[in-house]
Amino acid sequence: MFQPKYSPILNEKNLAQDMHIPKDLGESNIFVRNEVKRIADSLRPGIILTNEIIEILIESLTEFLDEVIVKTVKVTKHRKGLRVEKRDVKYVIERYFNIHQQYEIEDFWY
């Protein structure tokens, strides 16, 4: 019988830990490093990032995502939801981080 890995009950600590990128940035995280380089290059073509800068960016992004996840789960619980929805994430990013989207993201973009 299939047992889900996670309980349907929202738990911000579990979500934040599951989404956390390990601090060991060795061979296993080449994908993460390459993605950071790709995104930086798309924002500023020709930019050169040292390994130290990439590590700082990954750590900062990880902390930001952890905060977004924790706050989003709290918002979802407050509205008595069982699942995090796009509107929860959008609310948190706009309300707590003052980041406003310039365009609408489709519900099933993934």
PDB file of N, CA and C in Angstrom:
ATOM      1  N   MET A   1       0.838  -1.175   0.000  1.00  0.00           N
ATOM      2  CA  MET A   1       0.000   0.000   0.000  1.00  0.00           C
ATOM      3  C   MET A   1       0.886   1.242   0.000  1.00  0.00           C
ATOM      4  N   PHE A   2       0.513   2.197  -0.814  1.00  0.00           N
ATOM      5  CA  PHE A   2       1.289   3.431  -0.929  1.00  0.00           C
ATOM      6  C   PHE A   2       1.118   4.296   0.310  1.00  0.00           C
ATOM      7  N   GLN A   3       2.227   4.689   0.891  1.00  0.00           N
ATOM      8  CA  GLN A   3       2.217   5.591   2.044  1.00  0.00           C
ATOM      9  C   GLN A   3       2.817   6.921   1.597  1.00  0.00           C
ATOM     10  N   PRO A   4       2.074   8.026   1.720  1.00  0.00           N
ATOM     11  CA  PRO A   4       2.668   9.299   1.331  1.00  0.00           C
ATOM     12  C   PRO A   4       3.855   9.638   2.225  1.00  0.00           C
ATOM     13  N   LYS A   5       4.845  10.268   1.619  1.00  0.00           N
ATOM     14  CA  LYS A   5       6.047  10.630   2.368  1.00  0.00           C
ATOM     15  C   LYS A   5       5.739  11.683   3.425  1.00  0.00           C
ATOM     16  N   TYR A   6       4.814  12.578   3.132  1.00  0.00           N
ATOM     17  CA  TYR A   6       4.496  13.665   4.042  1.00  0.00           C
ATOM     18  C   TYR A   6       3.032  13.608   4.445  1.00  0.00           C
ATOM     19  N   SER A   7       2.791  14.018   5.634  1.00  0.00           N
ATOM     20  CA  SER A   7       1.426  14.120   6.118  1.00  0.00           C
ATOM     21  C   SER A   7       0.743  15.282   5.408  1.00  0.00           C
ATOM     22  N   PRO A   8      -0.567  15.194   5.168  1.00  0.00           N
ATOM     23  CA  PRO A   8      -1.257  16.311   4.526  1.00  0.00           C
ATOM     24  C   PRO A   8      -1.346  17.539   5.425  1.00  0.00           C
ATOM     25  N   ILE A   9      -1.041  17.364   6.711  1.00  0.00           N
ATOM     26  CA  ILE A   9      -1.066  18.496   7.628  1.00  0.00           C
ATOM     27  C   ILE A   9       0.123  19.395   7.307  1.00  0.00           C
ATOM     28  N   LEU A  10      -0.139  20.672   7.171  1.00  0.00           N
ATOM     29  CA  LEU A  10       0.926  21.610   6.845  1.00  0.00           C
ATOM     30  C   LEU A  10       1.851  21.794   8.034  1.00  0.00           C
ATOM     31  N   ASN A  11       3.109  21.676   7.778  1.00  0.00           N
ATOM     32  CA  ASN A  11       4.110  21.853   8.822  1.00  0.00           C
ATOM     33  C   ASN A  11       5.239  22.690   8.235  1.00  0.00           C
ATOM     34  N   GLU A  12       5.314  23.971   8.654  1.00  0.00           N
ATOM     35  CA  GLU A  12       6.287  24.871   8.044  1.00  0.00           C
ATOM     36  C   GLU A  12       7.730  24.436   8.275  1.00  0.00           C
ATOM     37  N   LYS A  13       8.028  23.786   9.393  1.00  0.00           N
ATOM     38  CA  LYS A  13       9.408  23.348   9.631  1.00  0.00           C
ATOM     39  C   LYS A  13       9.809  22.267   8.637  1.00  0.00           C
ATOM     40  N   ASN A  14       8.923  21.274   8.417  1.00  0.00           N
ATOM     41  CA  ASN A  14       9.235  20.214   7.464  1.00  0.00           C
ATOM     42  C   ASN A  14       9.388  20.765   6.057  1.00  0.00           C
ATOM     43  N   LEU A  15       8.489  21.663   5.652  1.00  0.00           N
ATOM     44  CA  LEU A  15       8.575  22.220   4.310  1.00  0.00           C
ATOM     45  C   LEU A  15       9.866  22.997   4.125  1.00  0.00           C
ATOM     46  N   ALA A  16      10.206  23.814   5.094  1.00  0.00           N
ATOM     47  CA  ALA A  16      11.422  24.619   4.978  1.00  0.00           C
ATOM     48  C   ALA A  16      12.661  23.725   4.916  1.00  0.00           C
ATOM     49  N   GLN A  17      12.688  22.660   5.710  1.00  0.00           N
ATOM     50  CA  GLN A  17      13.837  21.753   5.691  1.00  0.00           C
ATOM     51  C   GLN A  17      13.907  20.994   4.374  1.00  0.00           C
ATOM     52  N   ASP A  18      12.745  20.580   3.851  1.00  0.00           N
ATOM     53  CA  ASP A  18      12.725  19.832   2.604  1.00  0.00           C
ATOM     54  C   ASP A  18      13.210  20.678   1.429  1.00  0.00           C
ATOM     55  N   MET A  19      12.922  21.971   1.461  1.00  0.00           N
ATOM     56  CA  MET A  19      13.297  22.851   0.370  1.00  0.00           C
ATOM     57  C   MET A  19      14.710  23.406   0.525  1.00  0.00           C
ATOM     58  N   HIS A  20      15.352  23.153   1.665  1.00  0.00           N
ATOM     59  CA  HIS A  20      16.661  23.735   1.955  1.00  0.00           C
ATOM     60  C   HIS A  20      17.744  23.119   1.076  1.00  0.00           C
ATOM     61  N   ILE A  21      18.525  23.964   0.492  1.00  0.00           N
ATOM     62  CA  ILE A  21      19.656  23.500  -0.307  1.00  0.00           C
ATOM     63  C   ILE A  21      20.819  23.257   0.645  1.00  0.00           C
ATOM     64  N   PRO A  22      21.435  22.084   0.598  1.00  0.00           N
ATOM     65  CA  PRO A  22      22.536  21.804   1.513  1.00  0.00           C
ATOM     66  C   PRO A  22      23.656  22.827   1.382  1.00  0.00           C
ATOM     67  N   LYS A  23      24.327  23.100   2.508  1.00  0.00           N
ATOM     68  CA  LYS A  23      25.415  24.073   2.491  1.00  0.00           C
ATOM     69  C   LYS A  23      26.657  23.513   1.817  1.00  0.00           C
ATOM     70  N   ASP A  24      26.772  22.180   1.737  1.00  0.00           N
ATOM     71  CA  ASP A  24      27.902  21.570   1.044  1.00  0.00           C
ATOM     72  C   ASP A  24      27.679  21.765  -0.453  1.00  0.00           C
ATOM     73  N   LEU A  25      28.471  22.605  -1.053  1.00  0.00           N
ATOM     74  CA  LEU A  25      28.271  22.929  -2.461  1.00  0.00           C
ATOM     75  C   LEU A  25      29.249  22.164  -3.346  1.00  0.00           C
ATOM     76  N   GLY A  26      29.427  20.898  -3.064  1.00  0.00           N
ATOM     77  CA  GLY A  26      30.351  20.074  -3.825  1.00  0.00           C
ATOM     78  C   GLY A  26      29.751  19.609  -5.136  1.00  0.00           C
ATOM     79  N   GLU A  27      30.201  18.460  -5.594  1.00  0.00           N
ATOM     80  CA  GLU A  27      29.780  17.902  -6.873  1.00  0.00           C
ATOM     81  C   GLU A  27      28.270  17.737  -6.975  1.00  0.00           C
ATOM     82  N   SER A  28      27.608  17.408  -5.877  1.00  0.00           N
ATOM     83  CA  SER A  28      26.172  17.130  -5.929  1.00  0.00           C
ATOM     84  C   SER A  28      25.351  18.378  -6.225  1.00  0.00           C
ATOM     85  N   ASN A  29      25.929  19.549  -6.045  1.00  0.00           N
ATOM     86  CA  ASN A  29      25.170  20.771  -6.272  1.00  0.00           C
ATOM     87  C   ASN A  29      25.656  21.568  -7.477  1.00  0.00           C
ATOM     88  N   ILE A  30      26.265  20.877  -8.426  1.00  0.00           N
ATOM     89  CA  ILE A  30      26.702  21.539  -9.656  1.00  0.00           C
ATOM     90  C   ILE A  30      25.491  22.129 -10.366  1.00  0.00           C
ATOM     91  N   PHE A  31      24.369  21.407 -10.338  1.00  0.00           N
ATOM     92  CA  PHE A  31      23.155  21.901 -10.985  1.00  0.00           C
ATOM     93  C   PHE A  31      22.750  23.243 -10.395  1.00  0.00           C
ATOM     94  N   VAL A  32      22.755  23.359  -9.074  1.00  0.00           N
ATOM     95  CA  VAL A  32      22.368  24.602  -8.402  1.00  0.00           C
ATOM     96  C   VAL A  32      23.331  25.717  -8.790  1.00  0.00           C
ATOM     97  N   ARG A  33      24.612  25.433  -8.777  1.00  0.00           N
ATOM     98  CA  ARG A  33      25.615  26.434  -9.158  1.00  0.00           C
ATOM     99  C   ARG A  33      25.393  26.895 -10.600  1.00  0.00           C
ATOM    100  N   ASN A  34      25.160  25.942 -11.498  1.00  0.00           N
ATOM    101  CA  ASN A  34      24.951  26.284 -12.906  1.00  0.00           C
ATOM    102  C   ASN A  34      23.677  27.094 -13.101  1.00  0.00           C
ATOM    103  N   GLU A  35      22.645  26.787 -12.338  1.00  0.00           N
ATOM    104  CA  GLU A  35      21.400  27.552 -12.431  1.00  0.00           C
ATOM    105  C   GLU A  35      21.605  28.985 -11.958  1.00  0.00           C
ATOM    106  N   VAL A  36      22.342  29.171 -10.875  1.00  0.00           N
ATOM    107  CA  VAL A  36      22.633  30.524 -10.385  1.00  0.00           C
ATOM    108  C   VAL A  36      23.402  31.293 -11.462  1.00  0.00           C
ATOM    109  N   LYS A  37      24.390  30.651 -12.078  1.00  0.00           N
ATOM    110  CA  LYS A  37      25.151  31.302 -13.150  1.00  0.00           C
ATOM    111  C   LYS A  37      24.244  31.655 -14.329  1.00  0.00           C
ATOM    112  N   ARG A  38      23.367  30.722 -14.701  1.00  0.00           N
ATOM    113  CA  ARG A  38      22.468  30.947 -15.839  1.00  0.00           C
ATOM    114  C   ARG A  38      21.524  32.116 -15.573  1.00  0.00           C
ATOM    115  N   ILE A  39      20.951  32.152 -14.371  1.00  0.00           N
ATOM    116  CA  ILE A  39      20.020  33.231 -14.025  1.00  0.00           C
ATOM    117  C   ILE A  39      20.753  34.568 -13.982  1.00  0.00           C
ATOM    118  N   ALA A  40      21.927  34.597 -13.362  1.00  0.00           N
ATOM    119  CA  ALA A  40      22.710  35.838 -13.292  1.00  0.00           C
ATOM    120  C   ALA A  40      23.070  36.320 -14.693  1.00  0.00           C
ATOM    121  N   ASP A  41      23.442  35.394 -15.568  1.00  0.00           N
ATOM    122  CA  ASP A  41      23.805  35.762 -16.932  1.00  0.00           C
ATOM    123  C   ASP A  41      22.598  36.274 -17.712  1.00  0.00           C
ATOM    124  N   SER A  42      21.410  35.741 -17.417  1.00  0.00           N
ATOM    125  CA  SER A  42      20.211  36.226 -18.112  1.00  0.00           C
ATOM    126  C   SER A  42      19.841  37.637 -17.654  1.00  0.00           C
ATOM    127  N   LEU A  43      20.183  37.971 -16.406  1.00  0.00           N
ATOM    128  CA  LEU A  43      19.896  39.310 -15.889  1.00  0.00           C
ATOM    129  C   LEU A  43      20.966  40.319 -16.309  1.00  0.00           C
ATOM    130  N   ARG A  44      22.208  39.871 -16.345  1.00  0.00           N
ATOM    131  CA  ARG A  44      23.317  40.744 -16.733  1.00  0.00           C
ATOM    132  C   ARG A  44      24.293  39.916 -17.566  1.00  0.00           C
ATOM    133  N   PRO A  45      24.100  39.911 -18.897  1.00  0.00           N
ATOM    134  CA  PRO A  45      24.949  39.093 -19.767  1.00  0.00           C
ATOM    135  C   PRO A  45      26.439  39.394 -19.582  1.00  0.00           C
ATOM    136  N   GLY A  46      27.219  38.320 -19.536  1.00  0.00           N
ATOM    137  CA  GLY A  46      28.662  38.452 -19.418  1.00  0.00           C
ATOM    138  C   GLY A  46      29.173  38.594 -17.996  1.00  0.00           C
ATOM    139  N   ILE A  47      28.282  38.538 -17.014  1.00  0.00           N
ATOM    140  CA  ILE A  47      28.710  38.685 -15.619  1.00  0.00           C
ATOM    141  C   ILE A  47      29.575  37.490 -15.218  1.00  0.00           C
ATOM    142  N   ILE A  48      30.585  37.746 -14.430  1.00  0.00           N
ATOM    143  CA  ILE A  48      31.472  36.686 -13.950  1.00  0.00           C
ATOM    144  C   ILE A  48      31.268  36.548 -12.443  1.00  0.00           C
ATOM    145  N   LEU A  49      30.915  35.347 -12.012  1.00  0.00           N
ATOM    146  CA  LEU A  49      30.684  35.071 -10.594  1.00  0.00           C
ATOM    147  C   LEU A  49      31.748  34.109 -10.082  1.00  0.00           C
ATOM    148  N   THR A  50      32.402  34.489  -8.999  1.00  0.00           N
ATOM    149  CA  THR A  50      33.370  33.581  -8.379  1.00  0.00           C
ATOM    150  C   THR A  50      32.602  32.540  -7.561  1.00  0.00           C
ATOM    151  N   ASN A  51      33.287  31.468  -7.189  1.00  0.00           N
ATOM    152  CA  ASN A  51      32.652  30.434  -6.364  1.00  0.00           C
ATOM    153  C   ASN A  51      32.159  31.004  -5.042  1.00  0.00           C
ATOM    154  N   GLU A  52      32.919  31.941  -4.467  1.00  0.00           N
ATOM    155  CA  GLU A  52      32.519  32.550  -3.199  1.00  0.00           C
ATOM    156  C   GLU A  52      31.214  33.341  -3.356  1.00  0.00           C
ATOM    157  N   ILE A  53      31.098  34.082  -4.444  1.00  0.00           N
ATOM    158  CA  ILE A  53      29.871  34.848  -4.693  1.00  0.00           C
ATOM    159  C   ILE A  53      28.701  33.910  -4.921  1.00  0.00           C
ATOM    160  N   ILE A  54      28.924  32.840  -5.661  1.00  0.00           N
ATOM    161  CA  ILE A  54      27.853  31.866  -5.904  1.00  0.00           C
ATOM    162  C   ILE A  54      27.386  31.261  -4.587  1.00  0.00           C
ATOM    163  N   GLU A  55      28.310  30.922  -3.705  1.00  0.00           N
ATOM    164  CA  GLU A  55      27.938  30.365  -2.400  1.00  0.00           C
ATOM    165  C   GLU A  55      27.105  31.358  -1.595  1.00  0.00           C
ATOM    166  N   ILE A  56      27.494  32.631  -1.611  1.00  0.00           N
ATOM    167  CA  ILE A  56      26.733  33.661  -0.895  1.00  0.00           C
ATOM    168  C   ILE A  56      25.338  33.794  -1.493  1.00  0.00           C
ATOM    169  N   LEU A  57      25.245  33.798  -2.818  1.00  0.00           N
ATOM    170  CA  LEU A  57      23.937  33.896  -3.473  1.00  0.00           C
ATOM    171  C   LEU A  57      23.048  32.707  -3.134  1.00  0.00           C
ATOM    172  N   ILE A  58      23.610  31.509  -3.176  1.00  0.00           N
ATOM    173  CA  ILE A  58      22.827  30.312  -2.857  1.00  0.00           C
ATOM    174  C   ILE A  58      22.354  30.354  -1.413  1.00  0.00           C
ATOM    175  N   GLU A  59      23.227  30.748  -0.505  1.00  0.00           N
ATOM    176  CA  GLU A  59      22.843  30.836   0.909  1.00  0.00           C
ATOM    177  C   GLU A  59      21.737  31.876   1.107  1.00  0.00           C
ATOM    178  N   SER A  60      21.876  33.026   0.457  1.00  0.00           N
ATOM    179  CA  SER A  60      20.861  34.081   0.576  1.00  0.00           C
ATOM    180  C   SER A  60      19.532  33.635  -0.020  1.00  0.00           C
ATOM    181  N   LEU A  61      19.587  33.005  -1.183  1.00  0.00           N
ATOM    182  CA  LEU A  61      18.360  32.514  -1.813  1.00  0.00           C
ATOM    183  C   LEU A  61      17.689  31.444  -0.964  1.00  0.00           C
ATOM    184  N   THR A  62      18.485  30.586  -0.366  1.00  0.00           N
ATOM    185  CA  THR A  62      17.946  29.540   0.499  1.00  0.00           C
ATOM    186  C   THR A  62      17.239  30.143   1.699  1.00  0.00           C
ATOM    187  N   GLU A  63      17.863  31.122   2.331  1.00  0.00           N
ATOM    188  CA  GLU A  63      17.239  31.788   3.479  1.00  0.00           C
ATOM    189  C   GLU A  63      15.949  32.484   3.065  1.00  0.00           C
ATOM    190  N   PHE A  64      15.959  33.149   1.903  1.00  0.00           N
ATOM    191  CA  PHE A  64      14.763  33.823   1.405  1.00  0.00           C
ATOM    192  C   PHE A  64      13.639  32.815   1.162  1.00  0.00           C
ATOM    193  N   LEU A  65      13.961  31.713   0.484  1.00  0.00           N
ATOM    194  CA  LEU A  65      12.944  30.691   0.212  1.00  0.00           C
ATOM    195  C   LEU A  65      12.411  30.078   1.499  1.00  0.00           C
ATOM    196  N   ASP A  66      13.284  29.839   2.468  1.00  0.00           N
ATOM    197  CA  ASP A  66      12.832  29.316   3.762  1.00  0.00           C
ATOM    198  C   ASP A  66      11.829  30.268   4.402  1.00  0.00           C
ATOM    199  N   GLU A  67      12.135  31.566   4.374  1.00  0.00           N
ATOM    200  CA  GLU A  67      11.217  32.556   4.955  1.00  0.00           C
ATOM    201  C   GLU A  67       9.892  32.586   4.213  1.00  0.00           C
ATOM    202  N   VAL A  68       9.950  32.560   2.882  1.00  0.00           N
ATOM    203  CA  VAL A  68       8.720  32.563   2.082  1.00  0.00           C
ATOM    204  C   VAL A  68       7.881  31.333   2.403  1.00  0.00           C
ATOM    205  N   ILE A  69       8.506  30.181   2.498  1.00  0.00           N
ATOM    206  CA  ILE A  69       7.780  28.941   2.779  1.00  0.00           C
ATOM    207  C   ILE A  69       7.118  29.000   4.145  1.00  0.00           C
ATOM    208  N   VAL A  70       7.860  29.394   5.164  1.00  0.00           N
ATOM    209  CA  VAL A  70       7.312  29.450   6.523  1.00  0.00           C
ATOM    210  C   VAL A  70       6.136  30.420   6.584  1.00  0.00           C
ATOM    211  N   LYS A  71       6.307  31.617   6.031  1.00  0.00           N
ATOM    212  CA  LYS A  71       5.235  32.614   6.072  1.00  0.00           C
ATOM    213  C   LYS A  71       4.031  32.172   5.232  1.00  0.00           C
ATOM    214  N   THR A  72       4.285  31.533   4.091  1.00  0.00           N
ATOM    215  CA  THR A  72       3.194  31.076   3.234  1.00  0.00           C
ATOM    216  C   THR A  72       2.373  29.998   3.923  1.00  0.00           C
ATOM    217  N   VAL A  73       3.028  29.080   4.598  1.00  0.00           N
ATOM    218  CA  VAL A  73       2.301  28.035   5.324  1.00  0.00           C
ATOM    219  C   VAL A  73       1.447  28.658   6.424  1.00  0.00           C
ATOM    220  N   LYS A  74       1.975  29.671   7.106  1.00  0.00           N
ATOM    221  CA  LYS A  74       1.194  30.351   8.145  1.00  0.00           C
ATOM    222  C   LYS A  74      -0.035  31.031   7.552  1.00  0.00           C
ATOM    223  N   VAL A  75       0.125  31.667   6.394  1.00  0.00           N
ATOM    224  CA  VAL A  75      -1.014  32.307   5.723  1.00  0.00           C
ATOM    225  C   VAL A  75      -2.040  31.253   5.324  1.00  0.00           C
ATOM    226  N   THR A  76      -1.575  30.131   4.793  1.00  0.00           N
ATOM    227  CA  THR A  76      -2.476  29.049   4.393  1.00  0.00           C
ATOM    228  C   THR A  76      -3.245  28.517   5.594  1.00  0.00           C
ATOM    229  N   LYS A  77      -2.558  28.323   6.705  1.00  0.00           N
ATOM    230  CA  LYS A  77      -3.233  27.860   7.925  1.00  0.00           C
ATOM    231  C   LYS A  77      -4.240  28.891   8.408  1.00  0.00           C
ATOM    232  N   HIS A  78      -3.883  30.175   8.314  1.00  0.00           N
ATOM    233  CA  HIS A  78      -4.775  31.239   8.779  1.00  0.00           C
ATOM    234  C   HIS A  78      -6.096  31.228   8.007  1.00  0.00           C
ATOM    235  N   ARG A  79      -6.025  30.946   6.703  1.00  0.00           N
ATOM    236  CA  ARG A  79      -7.259  30.890   5.917  1.00  0.00           C
ATOM    237  C   ARG A  79      -7.910  29.500   5.974  1.00  0.00           C
ATOM    238  N   LYS A  80      -7.358  28.654   6.855  1.00  0.00           N
ATOM    239  CA  LYS A  80      -7.850  27.298   7.074  1.00  0.00           C
ATOM    240  C   LYS A  80      -7.765  26.426   5.812  1.00  0.00           C
ATOM    241  N   GLY A  81      -6.724  26.655   5.040  1.00  0.00           N
ATOM    242  CA  GLY A  81      -6.491  25.861   3.842  1.00  0.00           C
ATOM    243  C   GLY A  81      -5.697  24.606   4.165  1.00  0.00           C
ATOM    244  N   LEU A  82      -5.846  23.607   3.323  1.00  0.00           N
ATOM    245  CA  LEU A  82      -5.084  22.366   3.478  1.00  0.00           C
ATOM    246  C   LEU A  82      -3.884  22.319   2.540  1.00  0.00           C
ATOM    247  N   ARG A  83      -3.914  23.148   1.502  1.00  0.00           N
ATOM    248  CA  ARG A  83      -2.823  23.191   0.532  1.00  0.00           C
ATOM    249  C   ARG A  83      -2.396  24.632   0.307  1.00  0.00           C
ATOM    250  N   VAL A  84      -1.118  24.808   0.118  1.00  0.00           N
ATOM    251  CA  VAL A  84      -0.602  26.123  -0.247  1.00  0.00           C
ATOM    252  C   VAL A  84      -1.021  26.396  -1.688  1.00  0.00           C
ATOM    253  N   GLU A  85      -1.551  27.578  -1.914  1.00  0.00           N
ATOM    254  CA  GLU A  85      -1.980  27.958  -3.256  1.00  0.00           C
ATOM    255  C   GLU A  85      -1.161  29.143  -3.746  1.00  0.00           C
ATOM    256  N   LYS A  86      -1.242  29.367  -5.038  1.00  0.00           N
ATOM    257  CA  LYS A  86      -0.505  30.470  -5.648  1.00  0.00           C
ATOM    258  C   LYS A  86      -0.824  31.794  -4.960  1.00  0.00           C
ATOM    259  N   ARG A  87      -2.075  32.008  -4.625  1.00  0.00           N
ATOM    260  CA  ARG A  87      -2.479  33.266  -3.992  1.00  0.00           C
ATOM    261  C   ARG A  87      -1.790  33.462  -2.639  1.00  0.00           C
ATOM    262  N   ASP A  88      -1.520  32.363  -1.920  1.00  0.00           N
ATOM    263  CA  ASP A  88      -0.821  32.459  -0.633  1.00  0.00           C
ATOM    264  C   ASP A  88       0.613  32.950  -0.832  1.00  0.00           C
ATOM    265  N   VAL A  89       1.293  32.351  -1.800  1.00  0.00           N
ATOM    266  CA  VAL A  89       2.678  32.733  -2.087  1.00  0.00           C
ATOM    267  C   VAL A  89       2.723  34.180  -2.570  1.00  0.00           C
ATOM    268  N   LYS A  90       1.811  34.526  -3.464  1.00  0.00           N
ATOM    269  CA  LYS A  90       1.758  35.889  -3.999  1.00  0.00           C
ATOM    270  C   LYS A  90       1.525  36.901  -2.877  1.00  0.00           C
ATOM    271  N   TYR A  91       0.603  36.591  -1.979  1.00  0.00           N
ATOM    272  CA  TYR A  91       0.304  37.484  -0.855  1.00  0.00           C
ATOM    273  C   TYR A  91       1.548  37.699   0.011  1.00  0.00           C
ATOM    274  N   VAL A  92       2.233  36.614   0.348  1.00  0.00           N
ATOM    275  CA  VAL A  92       3.425  36.703   1.207  1.00  0.00           C
ATOM    276  C   VAL A  92       4.519  37.526   0.531  1.00  0.00           C
ATOM    277  N   ILE A  93       4.773  37.256  -0.725  1.00  0.00           N
ATOM    278  CA  ILE A  93       5.842  37.971  -1.426  1.00  0.00           C
ATOM    279  C   ILE A  93       5.527  39.462  -1.529  1.00  0.00           C
ATOM    280  N   GLU A  94       4.259  39.785  -1.776  1.00  0.00           N
ATOM    281  CA  GLU A  94       3.889  41.198  -1.874  1.00  0.00           C
ATOM    282  C   GLU A  94       3.830  41.868  -0.506  1.00  0.00           C
ATOM    283  N   ARG A  95       3.219  41.210   0.455  1.00  0.00           N
ATOM    284  CA  ARG A  95       2.963  41.833   1.764  1.00  0.00           C
ATOM    285  C   ARG A  95       4.219  41.913   2.635  1.00  0.00           C
ATOM    286  N   TYR A  96       4.967  40.826   2.720  1.00  0.00           N
ATOM    287  CA  TYR A  96       6.104  40.777   3.635  1.00  0.00           C
ATOM    288  C   TYR A  96       7.431  41.214   3.008  1.00  0.00           C
ATOM    289  N   PHE A  97       7.547  41.042   1.698  1.00  0.00           N
ATOM    290  CA  PHE A  97       8.820  41.352   1.051  1.00  0.00           C
ATOM    291  C   PHE A  97       8.722  42.526   0.079  1.00  0.00           C
ATOM    292  N   ASN A  98       7.520  43.059  -0.091  1.00  0.00           N
ATOM    293  CA  ASN A  98       7.270  44.219  -0.948  1.00  0.00           C
ATOM    294  C   ASN A  98       7.792  44.003  -2.371  1.00  0.00           C
ATOM    295  N   ILE A  99       7.572  42.792  -2.884  1.00  0.00           N
ATOM    296  CA  ILE A  99       7.953  42.456  -4.256  1.00  0.00           C
ATOM    297  C   ILE A  99       6.657  42.262  -5.030  1.00  0.00           C
ATOM    298  N   HIS A 100       6.480  43.066  -6.076  1.00  0.00           N
ATOM    299  CA  HIS A 100       5.241  43.013  -6.851  1.00  0.00           C
ATOM    300  C   HIS A 100       5.526  42.438  -8.231  1.00  0.00           C
ATOM    301  N   GLN A 101       4.656  41.531  -8.663  1.00  0.00           N
ATOM    302  CA  GLN A 101       4.816  40.893  -9.963  1.00  0.00           C
ATOM    303  C   GLN A 101       4.391  41.854 -11.060  1.00  0.00           C
ATOM    304  N   GLN A 102       5.101  41.828 -12.165  1.00  0.00           N
ATOM    305  CA  GLN A 102       4.735  42.658 -13.302  1.00  0.00           C
ATOM    306  C   GLN A 102       3.772  41.928 -14.228  1.00  0.00           C
ATOM    307  N   TYR A 103       3.647  40.626 -14.061  1.00  0.00           N
ATOM    308  CA  TYR A 103       2.774  39.844 -14.918  1.00  0.00           C
ATOM    309  C   TYR A 103       2.152  38.729 -14.088  1.00  0.00           C
ATOM    310  N   GLU A 104       1.094  38.165 -14.605  1.00  0.00           N
ATOM    311  CA  GLU A 104       0.376  37.100 -13.904  1.00  0.00           C
ATOM    312  C   GLU A 104       1.001  35.745 -14.242  1.00  0.00           C
ATOM    313  N   ILE A 105       1.188  34.924 -13.231  1.00  0.00           N
ATOM    314  CA  ILE A 105       1.717  33.570 -13.422  1.00  0.00           C
ATOM    315  C   ILE A 105       0.540  32.612 -13.527  1.00  0.00           C
ATOM    316  N   GLU A 106       0.575  31.746 -14.529  1.00  0.00           N
ATOM    317  CA  GLU A 106      -0.510  30.783 -14.703  1.00  0.00           C
ATOM    318  C   GLU A 106      -0.542  29.813 -13.531  1.00  0.00           C
ATOM    319  N   ASP A 107      -1.722  29.239 -13.285  1.00  0.00           N
ATOM    320  CA  ASP A 107      -1.877  28.320 -12.162  1.00  0.00           C
ATOM    321  C   ASP A 107      -1.019  27.071 -12.311  1.00  0.00           C
ATOM    322  N   PHE A 108      -0.845  26.588 -13.518  1.00  0.00           N
ATOM    323  CA  PHE A 108      -0.125  25.333 -13.723  1.00  0.00           C
ATOM    324  C   PHE A 108       1.104  25.577 -14.594  1.00  0.00           C
ATOM    325  N   TRP A 109       1.994  26.455 -14.142  1.00  0.00           N
ATOM    326  CA  TRP A 109       3.184  26.810 -14.904  1.00  0.00           C
ATOM    327  C   TRP A 109       4.247  25.738 -14.847  1.00  0.00           C
ATOM    328  N   TYR A 110       4.167  24.852 -13.870  1.00  0.00           N
ATOM    329  CA  TYR A 110       5.184  23.831 -13.724  1.00  0.00           C
ATOM    330  C   TYR A 110       4.818  22.666 -14.580  1.00  0.00           C
TER     331      TYR A 110
END
